[in-house]
Amino acid sequence: MFERRSESGLGLTQIFIIGAFIVLVPVALITTTIRVAISEQSVYDYSVKRYDAHLVSGIPEEELLRANGEIHQYLTGDYAGPLSIAVRHKDGTTGQLFNARETAHMADVRDLVRVMFAVQIGAIAALLVLAVVMLVMWPPRALAAAAMYGSVLTGGVIVMGGALVGTGFDAAWSQFHVIAFTNDFWNLNPRTDHLIQMFPEAFWQRATVAVGGAIVLEAALIAAAAGLYLYLTRAQPESDLPVRPEPSLPGPAGHARVSPSDTPH
């Protein structure tokens, strides 16, 4: 499957190319799926509507949905400076949606999102380059096999993550924030802070399950397509190959030479 076009076996460079491709598959799938979710404003609006943020925050739903548009642009666009969203409360007063602590945390989230977007672009670019290199060095079956192994690895990563989350989402979610951020601005009060009222922990738990399920489905489709290609292009056993009859050799004076088996007894 990974035979080189020479008599020698795989070298360190070839092993690195194959291994890098396999490892980059889960990186690309995970970051791309998360990026799609972050880039879709309907995800933000779902949280506000599903968890009745207007009742908890005292801010009309239309104001929160409008704020979602600015949050979406802040995270995915070229939003300069700190996040500043003025909203109108139900009593008619206006004020900032987020306090200083929430604004600082949103700046940290934006920085993390930008790093993830850069990793996603880099992973896809590297996969494309490695795919071209592999097609030059090996037959297409090698690329299909690497894609299948990478998809299986992706499924394994998600299953392990799901097992960790299954032991307790609260603890896993808190540990993620401890690792991802250098401060505790993420530790908000659901009674007073609008950010966590708009996006409660229940939303993040459901979103995590949905994203994880989407990644597993994507990996399964890639593995199935690669496996089908490998099956259809597998080497046919010699016993199954059609036997070609041996051509008759010309005899003297242009007559066909009779083989011994054709001589009458």
C-alpha atoms as a PDB file:
ATOM      1  CA  MET A   1       0.000   0.000   0.000  1.00  0.00           C
ATOM      2  CA  PHE A   2       2.829   2.368   0.829  1.00  0.00           C
ATOM      3  CA  GLU A   3       5.336   0.727  -1.508  1.00  0.00           C
ATOM      4  CA  ARG A   4       7.961   3.092  -2.811  1.00  0.00           C
ATOM      5  CA  ARG A   5       8.810   3.250  -6.444  1.00  0.00           C
ATOM      6  CA  SER A   6      12.214   1.860  -5.605  1.00  0.00           C
ATOM      7  CA  GLU A   7      13.538  -1.339  -4.146  1.00  0.00           C
ATOM      8  CA  SER A   8      14.352   0.106  -0.696  1.00  0.00           C
ATOM      9  CA  GLY A   9      11.837   0.335   2.136  1.00  0.00           C
ATOM     10  CA  LEU A  10      10.318   3.396   3.770  1.00  0.00           C
ATOM     11  CA  GLY A  11      12.789   5.960   5.052  1.00  0.00           C
ATOM     12  CA  LEU A  12      12.381   8.451   7.870  1.00  0.00           C
ATOM     13  CA  THR A  13      11.167  11.139   5.492  1.00  0.00           C
ATOM     14  CA  GLN A  14       8.476   8.899   4.066  1.00  0.00           C
ATOM     15  CA  ILE A  15       7.368   7.790   7.543  1.00  0.00           C
ATOM     16  CA  PHE A  16       7.190  11.430   8.635  1.00  0.00           C
ATOM     17  CA  ILE A  17       5.043  12.350   5.629  1.00  0.00           C
ATOM     18  CA  ILE A  18       2.583   9.528   6.274  1.00  0.00           C
ATOM     19  CA  GLY A  19       2.468  10.129  10.030  1.00  0.00           C
ATOM     20  CA  ALA A  20       2.045  13.889   9.643  1.00  0.00           C
ATOM     21  CA  PHE A  21      -0.861  13.421   7.260  1.00  0.00           C
ATOM     22  CA  ILE A  22      -2.613  10.989   9.615  1.00  0.00           C
ATOM     23  CA  VAL A  23      -2.168  13.298  12.622  1.00  0.00           C
ATOM     24  CA  LEU A  24      -3.317  16.393  10.715  1.00  0.00           C
ATOM     25  CA  VAL A  25      -6.616  14.790   9.688  1.00  0.00           C
ATOM     26  CA  PRO A  26      -8.190  15.084  13.183  1.00  0.00           C
ATOM     27  CA  VAL A  27      -6.721  18.574  13.629  1.00  0.00           C
ATOM     28  CA  ALA A  28      -8.310  19.724  10.371  1.00  0.00           C
ATOM     29  CA  LEU A  29     -11.663  18.036  11.000  1.00  0.00           C
ATOM     30  CA  ILE A  30     -12.018  19.263  14.583  1.00  0.00           C
ATOM     31  CA  THR A  31     -10.975  22.872  13.954  1.00  0.00           C
ATOM     32  CA  THR A  32     -13.021  23.135  10.755  1.00  0.00           C
ATOM     33  CA  THR A  33     -16.184  21.876  12.427  1.00  0.00           C
ATOM     34  CA  ILE A  34     -15.727  24.247  15.362  1.00  0.00           C
ATOM     35  CA  ARG A  35     -15.067  27.123  12.975  1.00  0.00           C
ATOM     36  CA  VAL A  36     -18.295  26.418  11.095  1.00  0.00           C
ATOM     37  CA  ALA A  37     -20.214  26.487  14.387  1.00  0.00           C
ATOM     38  CA  ILE A  38     -18.596  29.745  15.518  1.00  0.00           C
ATOM     39  CA  SER A  39     -19.235  31.344  12.127  1.00  0.00           C
ATOM     40  CA  GLU A  40     -22.955  30.530  12.152  1.00  0.00           C
ATOM     41  CA  GLN A  41     -24.983  33.222  13.935  1.00  0.00           C
ATOM     42  CA  SER A  42     -28.009  30.932  14.213  1.00  0.00           C
ATOM     43  CA  VAL A  43     -26.036  29.024  16.853  1.00  0.00           C
ATOM     44  CA  TYR A  44     -25.832  32.173  18.989  1.00  0.00           C
ATOM     45  CA  ASP A  45     -29.519  32.931  18.460  1.00  0.00           C
ATOM     46  CA  TYR A  46     -30.450  29.361  19.358  1.00  0.00           C
ATOM     47  CA  SER A  47     -28.931  29.776  22.805  1.00  0.00           C
ATOM     48  CA  VAL A  48     -30.742  33.053  23.489  1.00  0.00           C
ATOM     49  CA  LYS A  49     -34.098  31.624  22.381  1.00  0.00           C
ATOM     50  CA  ARG A  50     -33.738  28.108  23.773  1.00  0.00           C
ATOM     51  CA  TYR A  51     -32.719  29.162  27.288  1.00  0.00           C
ATOM     52  CA  ASP A  52     -35.004  32.207  27.639  1.00  0.00           C
ATOM     53  CA  ALA A  53     -32.181  34.675  28.105  1.00  0.00           C
ATOM     54  CA  HIS A  54     -34.608  37.602  27.958  1.00  0.00           C
ATOM     55  CA  LEU A  55     -36.395  36.382  31.085  1.00  0.00           C
ATOM     56  CA  VAL A  56     -33.198  35.894  33.059  1.00  0.00           C
ATOM     57  CA  SER A  57     -31.436  39.081  31.940  1.00  0.00           C
ATOM     58  CA  GLY A  58     -34.379  41.472  31.839  1.00  0.00           C
ATOM     59  CA  ILE A  59     -33.386  42.526  28.312  1.00  0.00           C
ATOM     60  CA  PRO A  60     -35.870  42.138  25.413  1.00  0.00           C
ATOM     61  CA  GLU A  61     -35.131  39.201  23.146  1.00  0.00           C
ATOM     62  CA  GLU A  62     -34.842  41.386  20.055  1.00  0.00           C
ATOM     63  CA  GLU A  63     -32.111  43.365  21.790  1.00  0.00           C
ATOM     64  CA  LEU A  64     -30.214  40.191  22.659  1.00  0.00           C
ATOM     65  CA  LEU A  65     -30.531  38.891  19.102  1.00  0.00           C
ATOM     66  CA  ARG A  66     -29.204  42.184  17.796  1.00  0.00           C
ATOM     67  CA  ALA A  67     -26.324  41.916  20.259  1.00  0.00           C
ATOM     68  CA  ASN A  68     -25.612  38.425  18.933  1.00  0.00           C
ATOM     69  CA  GLY A  69     -24.876  39.951  15.545  1.00  0.00           C
ATOM     70  CA  GLU A  70     -22.222  42.178  17.098  1.00  0.00           C
ATOM     71  CA  ILE A  71     -20.776  39.288  19.105  1.00  0.00           C
ATOM     72  CA  HIS A  72     -20.614  37.178  15.940  1.00  0.00           C
ATOM     73  CA  GLN A  73     -18.816  39.971  14.080  1.00  0.00           C
ATOM     74  CA  TYR A  74     -16.480  40.506  17.030  1.00  0.00           C
ATOM     75  CA  LEU A  75     -15.377  36.866  17.042  1.00  0.00           C
ATOM     76  CA  THR A  76     -15.225  36.170  13.311  1.00  0.00           C
ATOM     77  CA  GLY A  77     -14.504  39.554  11.701  1.00  0.00           C
ATOM     78  CA  ASP A  78     -11.942  42.320  11.962  1.00  0.00           C
ATOM     79  CA  TYR A  79     -13.563  43.932  14.980  1.00  0.00           C
ATOM     80  CA  ALA A  80     -11.109  46.434  16.452  1.00  0.00           C
ATOM     81  CA  GLY A  81     -10.975  47.343  20.115  1.00  0.00           C
ATOM     82  CA  PRO A  82     -12.967  45.987  23.068  1.00  0.00           C
ATOM     83  CA  LEU A  83     -16.491  44.709  22.641  1.00  0.00           C
ATOM     84  CA  SER A  84     -19.008  47.454  23.407  1.00  0.00           C
ATOM     85  CA  ILE A  85     -22.727  46.749  22.988  1.00  0.00           C
ATOM     86  CA  ALA A  86     -25.404  49.120  24.242  1.00  0.00           C
ATOM     87  CA  VAL A  87     -28.825  47.582  24.861  1.00  0.00           C
ATOM     88  CA  ARG A  88     -32.220  48.791  26.008  1.00  0.00           C
ATOM     89  CA  HIS A  89     -33.649  47.095  29.089  1.00  0.00           C
ATOM     90  CA  LYS A  90     -37.306  46.269  29.595  1.00  0.00           C
ATOM     91  CA  ASP A  91     -37.729  49.285  31.879  1.00  0.00           C
ATOM     92  CA  GLY A  92     -36.641  51.572  29.047  1.00  0.00           C
ATOM     93  CA  THR A  93     -33.169  52.351  30.357  1.00  0.00           C
ATOM     94  CA  THR A  94     -30.079  51.792  28.230  1.00  0.00           C
ATOM     95  CA  GLY A  95     -26.643  50.577  29.218  1.00  0.00           C
ATOM     96  CA  GLN A  96     -23.742  48.313  28.332  1.00  0.00           C
ATOM     97  CA  LEU A  97     -24.627  44.667  27.853  1.00  0.00           C
ATOM     98  CA  PHE A  98     -21.377  43.390  29.390  1.00  0.00           C
ATOM     99  CA  ASN A  99     -19.426  44.592  32.396  1.00  0.00           C
ATOM    100  CA  ALA A 100     -15.636  44.971  32.497  1.00  0.00           C
ATOM    101  CA  ARG A 101     -15.033  41.356  33.523  1.00  0.00           C
ATOM    102  CA  GLU A 102     -17.217  39.986  30.728  1.00  0.00           C
ATOM    103  CA  THR A 103     -15.601  42.326  28.194  1.00  0.00           C
ATOM    104  CA  ALA A 104     -12.133  41.149  29.210  1.00  0.00           C
ATOM    105  CA  HIS A 105     -13.189  37.516  28.866  1.00  0.00           C
ATOM    106  CA  MET A 106     -14.635  38.163  25.417  1.00  0.00           C
ATOM    107  CA  ALA A 107     -11.264  39.617  24.373  1.00  0.00           C
ATOM    108  CA  ASP A 108      -9.608  36.392  25.537  1.00  0.00           C
ATOM    109  CA  VAL A 109     -12.175  34.334  23.628  1.00  0.00           C
ATOM    110  CA  ARG A 110     -11.549  36.359  20.474  1.00  0.00           C
ATOM    111  CA  ASP A 111      -7.795  35.767  20.758  1.00  0.00           C
ATOM    112  CA  LEU A 112      -8.360  32.031  21.232  1.00  0.00           C
ATOM    113  CA  VAL A 113     -10.721  31.895  18.239  1.00  0.00           C
ATOM    114  CA  ARG A 114      -8.183  33.639  16.028  1.00  0.00           C
ATOM    115  CA  VAL A 115      -5.479  31.175  17.022  1.00  0.00           C
ATOM    116  CA  MET A 116      -7.812  28.271  16.261  1.00  0.00           C
ATOM    117  CA  PHE A 117      -8.732  29.756  12.877  1.00  0.00           C
ATOM    118  CA  ALA A 118      -5.019  30.055  12.038  1.00  0.00           C
ATOM    119  CA  VAL A 119      -4.412  26.443  13.084  1.00  0.00           C
ATOM    120  CA  GLN A 120      -7.337  25.315  10.934  1.00  0.00           C
ATOM    121  CA  ILE A 121      -6.034  27.084   7.843  1.00  0.00           C
ATOM    122  CA  GLY A 122      -2.518  25.770   8.453  1.00  0.00           C
ATOM    123  CA  ALA A 123      -3.746  22.199   8.943  1.00  0.00           C
ATOM    124  CA  ILE A 124      -5.755  22.195   5.722  1.00  0.00           C
ATOM    125  CA  ALA A 125      -2.903  23.755   3.745  1.00  0.00           C
ATOM    126  CA  ALA A 126      -0.446  21.193   5.114  1.00  0.00           C
ATOM    127  CA  LEU A 127      -2.826  18.331   4.289  1.00  0.00           C
ATOM    128  CA  LEU A 128      -3.119  19.511   0.691  1.00  0.00           C
ATOM    129  CA  VAL A 129       0.658  19.745   0.307  1.00  0.00           C
ATOM    130  CA  LEU A 130       1.201  16.332   1.870  1.00  0.00           C
ATOM    131  CA  ALA A 131      -1.508  14.828  -0.326  1.00  0.00           C
ATOM    132  CA  VAL A 132       0.263  16.057  -3.460  1.00  0.00           C
ATOM    133  CA  VAL A 133       3.598  14.724  -2.195  1.00  0.00           C
ATOM    134  CA  MET A 134       2.066  11.336  -1.416  1.00  0.00           C
ATOM    135  CA  LEU A 135       0.473  11.113  -4.854  1.00  0.00           C
ATOM    136  CA  VAL A 136       3.896  11.741  -6.385  1.00  0.00           C
ATOM    137  CA  MET A 137       5.639   9.149  -4.203  1.00  0.00           C
ATOM    138  CA  TRP A 138       2.981   6.428  -4.081  1.00  0.00           C
ATOM    139  CA  PRO A 139      -0.150   5.249  -5.898  1.00  0.00           C
ATOM    140  CA  PRO A 140      -3.480   6.856  -4.862  1.00  0.00           C
ATOM    141  CA  ARG A 141      -4.191   3.885  -2.585  1.00  0.00           C
ATOM    142  CA  ALA A 142      -1.562   5.177  -0.171  1.00  0.00           C
ATOM    143  CA  LEU A 143      -3.372   8.503   0.192  1.00  0.00           C
ATOM    144  CA  ALA A 144      -6.687   6.705   0.686  1.00  0.00           C
ATOM    145  CA  ALA A 145      -5.167   4.501   3.396  1.00  0.00           C
ATOM    146  CA  ALA A 146      -3.678   7.506   5.218  1.00  0.00           C
ATOM    147  CA  ALA A 147      -7.029   9.304   5.055  1.00  0.00           C
ATOM    148  CA  MET A 148      -8.769   6.250   6.489  1.00  0.00           C
ATOM    149  CA  TYR A 149      -6.266   5.910   9.340  1.00  0.00           C
ATOM    150  CA  GLY A 150      -6.544   9.633  10.065  1.00  0.00           C
ATOM    151  CA  SER A 151     -10.332   9.363  10.217  1.00  0.00           C
ATOM    152  CA  VAL A 152     -10.104   6.430  12.610  1.00  0.00           C
ATOM    153  CA  LEU A 153      -7.718   8.475  14.762  1.00  0.00           C
ATOM    154  CA  THR A 154     -10.222  11.339  14.718  1.00  0.00           C
ATOM    155  CA  GLY A 155     -12.956   9.039  15.961  1.00  0.00           C
ATOM    156  CA  GLY A 156     -10.676   7.784  18.718  1.00  0.00           C
ATOM    157  CA  VAL A 157      -9.875  11.330  19.862  1.00  0.00           C
ATOM    158  CA  ILE A 158     -13.559  12.274  20.002  1.00  0.00           C
ATOM    159  CA  VAL A 159     -14.486   9.078  21.846  1.00  0.00           C
ATOM    160  CA  MET A 160     -11.775   9.735  24.431  1.00  0.00           C
ATOM    161  CA  GLY A 161     -12.948  13.321  24.812  1.00  0.00           C
ATOM    162  CA  GLY A 162     -16.535  12.146  25.133  1.00  0.00           C
ATOM    163  CA  ALA A 163     -15.549   9.676  27.826  1.00  0.00           C
ATOM    164  CA  LEU A 164     -13.825  12.480  29.730  1.00  0.00           C
ATOM    165  CA  VAL A 165     -16.841  14.759  29.423  1.00  0.00           C
ATOM    166  CA  GLY A 166     -19.116  11.887  30.403  1.00  0.00           C
ATOM    167  CA  THR A 167     -17.455  11.694  33.813  1.00  0.00           C
ATOM    168  CA  GLY A 168     -18.711  15.216  34.547  1.00  0.00           C
ATOM    169  CA  PHE A 169     -19.236  18.073  32.128  1.00  0.00           C
ATOM    170  CA  ASP A 170     -18.898  20.750  34.799  1.00  0.00           C
ATOM    171  CA  ALA A 171     -15.417  19.602  35.787  1.00  0.00           C
ATOM    172  CA  ALA A 172     -14.292  19.081  32.191  1.00  0.00           C
ATOM    173  CA  TRP A 173     -15.625  22.493  31.130  1.00  0.00           C
ATOM    174  CA  SER A 174     -13.874  24.225  34.013  1.00  0.00           C
ATOM    175  CA  GLN A 175     -10.622  22.383  33.273  1.00  0.00           C
ATOM    176  CA  PHE A 176     -10.814  23.489  29.645  1.00  0.00           C
ATOM    177  CA  HIS A 177     -11.031  27.128  30.738  1.00  0.00           C
ATOM    178  CA  VAL A 178      -8.133  26.705  33.138  1.00  0.00           C
ATOM    179  CA  ILE A 179      -5.979  25.352  30.297  1.00  0.00           C
ATOM    180  CA  ALA A 180      -7.183  27.774  27.605  1.00  0.00           C
ATOM    181  CA  PHE A 181      -7.042  31.031  29.591  1.00  0.00           C
ATOM    182  CA  THR A 182      -4.456  32.614  31.849  1.00  0.00           C
ATOM    183  CA  ASN A 183      -7.000  34.320  34.144  1.00  0.00           C
ATOM    184  CA  ASP A 184     -10.328  33.591  35.815  1.00  0.00           C
ATOM    185  CA  PHE A 185     -12.453  36.152  33.961  1.00  0.00           C
ATOM    186  CA  TRP A 186     -14.400  33.186  32.593  1.00  0.00           C
ATOM    187  CA  ASN A 187     -15.745  32.429  36.073  1.00  0.00           C
ATOM    188  CA  LEU A 188     -18.963  34.452  35.791  1.00  0.00           C
ATOM    189  CA  ASN A 189     -22.055  34.817  37.971  1.00  0.00           C
ATOM    190  CA  PRO A 190     -25.224  33.508  36.284  1.00  0.00           C
ATOM    191  CA  ARG A 191     -27.373  35.781  38.475  1.00  0.00           C
ATOM    192  CA  THR A 192     -25.769  39.038  37.357  1.00  0.00           C
ATOM    193  CA  ASP A 193     -23.562  38.513  34.286  1.00  0.00           C
ATOM    194  CA  HIS A 194     -25.402  38.717  30.962  1.00  0.00           C
ATOM    195  CA  LEU A 195     -22.800  36.720  29.024  1.00  0.00           C
ATOM    196  CA  ILE A 196     -23.478  33.524  30.918  1.00  0.00           C
ATOM    197  CA  GLN A 197     -27.202  34.275  30.922  1.00  0.00           C
ATOM    198  CA  MET A 198     -27.134  34.390  27.114  1.00  0.00           C
ATOM    199  CA  PHE A 199     -24.881  31.339  26.817  1.00  0.00           C
ATOM    200  CA  PRO A 200     -25.418  29.130  29.886  1.00  0.00           C
ATOM    201  CA  GLU A 201     -23.480  25.974  30.596  1.00  0.00           C
ATOM    202  CA  ALA A 202     -26.388  23.840  29.377  1.00  0.00           C
ATOM    203  CA  PHE A 203     -25.957  25.408  25.931  1.00  0.00           C
ATOM    204  CA  TRP A 204     -22.234  24.631  25.866  1.00  0.00           C
ATOM    205  CA  GLN A 205     -22.896  21.034  26.877  1.00  0.00           C
ATOM    206  CA  ARG A 206     -25.398  20.593  24.054  1.00  0.00           C
ATOM    207  CA  ALA A 207     -23.113  22.374  21.589  1.00  0.00           C
ATOM    208  CA  THR A 208     -20.196  20.154  22.572  1.00  0.00           C
ATOM    209  CA  VAL A 209     -22.253  17.029  21.939  1.00  0.00           C
ATOM    210  CA  ALA A 210     -23.486  18.368  18.586  1.00  0.00           C
ATOM    211  CA  VAL A 211     -20.014  19.345  17.395  1.00  0.00           C
ATOM    212  CA  GLY A 212     -18.546  16.035  18.570  1.00  0.00           C
ATOM    213  CA  GLY A 213     -21.265  14.101  16.773  1.00  0.00           C
ATOM    214  CA  ALA A 214     -20.692  16.077  13.577  1.00  0.00           C
ATOM    215  CA  ILE A 215     -16.963  15.360  13.702  1.00  0.00           C
ATOM    216  CA  VAL A 216     -17.541  11.633  14.193  1.00  0.00           C
ATOM    217  CA  LEU A 217     -19.964  11.609  11.244  1.00  0.00           C
ATOM    218  CA  GLU A 218     -17.464  13.435   9.024  1.00  0.00           C
ATOM    219  CA  ALA A 219     -14.692  11.033  10.003  1.00  0.00           C
ATOM    220  CA  ALA A 220     -16.955   8.033   9.362  1.00  0.00           C
ATOM    221  CA  LEU A 221     -17.850   9.286   5.878  1.00  0.00           C
ATOM    222  CA  ILE A 222     -14.198   9.838   4.981  1.00  0.00           C
ATOM    223  CA  ALA A 223     -13.199   6.434   6.345  1.00  0.00           C
ATOM    224  CA  ALA A 224     -16.054   4.757   4.455  1.00  0.00           C
ATOM    225  CA  ALA A 225     -15.142   6.465   1.180  1.00  0.00           C
ATOM    226  CA  ALA A 226     -11.456   5.638   1.592  1.00  0.00           C
ATOM    227  CA  GLY A 227     -12.220   2.053   2.582  1.00  0.00           C
ATOM    228  CA  LEU A 228     -14.518   1.610  -0.414  1.00  0.00           C
ATOM    229  CA  TYR A 229     -11.812   2.912  -2.742  1.00  0.00           C
ATOM    230  CA  LEU A 230      -9.252   0.557  -1.225  1.00  0.00           C
ATOM    231  CA  TYR A 231     -11.663  -2.343  -1.637  1.00  0.00           C
ATOM    232  CA  LEU A 232     -12.449  -1.545  -5.250  1.00  0.00           C
ATOM    233  CA  THR A 233      -8.778  -1.122  -6.160  1.00  0.00           C
ATOM    234  CA  ARG A 234      -7.447  -4.088  -4.202  1.00  0.00           C
ATOM    235  CA  ALA A 235      -5.009  -6.452  -5.935  1.00  0.00           C
ATOM    236  CA  GLN A 236      -6.785  -9.402  -7.536  1.00  0.00           C
ATOM    237  CA  PRO A 237      -5.459 -12.829  -6.428  1.00  0.00           C
ATOM    238  CA  GLU A 238      -3.596 -14.714  -9.137  1.00  0.00           C
ATOM    239  CA  SER A 239      -6.050 -17.622  -8.853  1.00  0.00           C
ATOM    240  CA  ASP A 240      -8.869 -15.261  -9.858  1.00  0.00           C
ATOM    241  CA  LEU A 241      -7.072 -13.892 -12.917  1.00  0.00           C
ATOM    242  CA  PRO A 242      -8.171 -15.244 -16.306  1.00  0.00           C
ATOM    243  CA  VAL A 243      -5.719 -17.765 -17.772  1.00  0.00           C
ATOM    244  CA  ARG A 244      -4.525 -16.811 -21.204  1.00  0.00           C
ATOM    245  CA  PRO A 245      -3.963 -19.765 -23.590  1.00  0.00           C
ATOM    246  CA  GLU A 246      -0.393 -20.201 -24.713  1.00  0.00           C
ATOM    247  CA  PRO A 247       0.019 -19.136 -28.333  1.00  0.00           C
ATOM    248  CA  SER A 248       0.891 -21.871 -30.848  1.00  0.00           C
ATOM    249  CA  LEU A 249       4.444 -21.686 -32.084  1.00  0.00           C
ATOM    250  CA  PRO A 250       5.006 -21.807 -35.837  1.00  0.00           C
ATOM    251  CA  GLY A 251       6.431 -25.057 -37.113  1.00  0.00           C
ATOM    252  CA  PRO A 252       8.306 -25.880 -40.283  1.00  0.00           C
ATOM    253  CA  ALA A 253       6.928 -24.434 -43.511  1.00  0.00           C
ATOM    254  CA  GLY A 254       4.686 -22.064 -41.557  1.00  0.00           C
ATOM    255  CA  HIS A 255       2.500 -24.808 -40.048  1.00  0.00           C
ATOM    256  CA  ALA A 256       1.493 -24.552 -36.435  1.00  0.00           C
ATOM    257  CA  ARG A 257       3.577 -26.714 -34.174  1.00  0.00           C
ATOM    258  CA  VAL A 258       1.424 -29.302 -32.456  1.00  0.00           C
ATOM    259  CA  SER A 259       1.979 -29.530 -28.745  1.00  0.00           C
ATOM    260  CA  PRO A 260       2.552 -32.981 -27.213  1.00  0.00           C
ATOM    261  CA  SER A 261      -0.773 -32.843 -25.438  1.00  0.00           C
ATOM    262  CA  ASP A 262      -2.565 -32.471 -28.778  1.00  0.00           C
ATOM    263  CA  THR A 263      -0.933 -35.615 -30.272  1.00  0.00           C
ATOM    264  CA  PRO A 264      -3.501 -38.405 -30.648  1.00  0.00           C
ATOM    265  CA  HIS A 265      -2.785 -41.504 -28.647  1.00  0.00           C
END
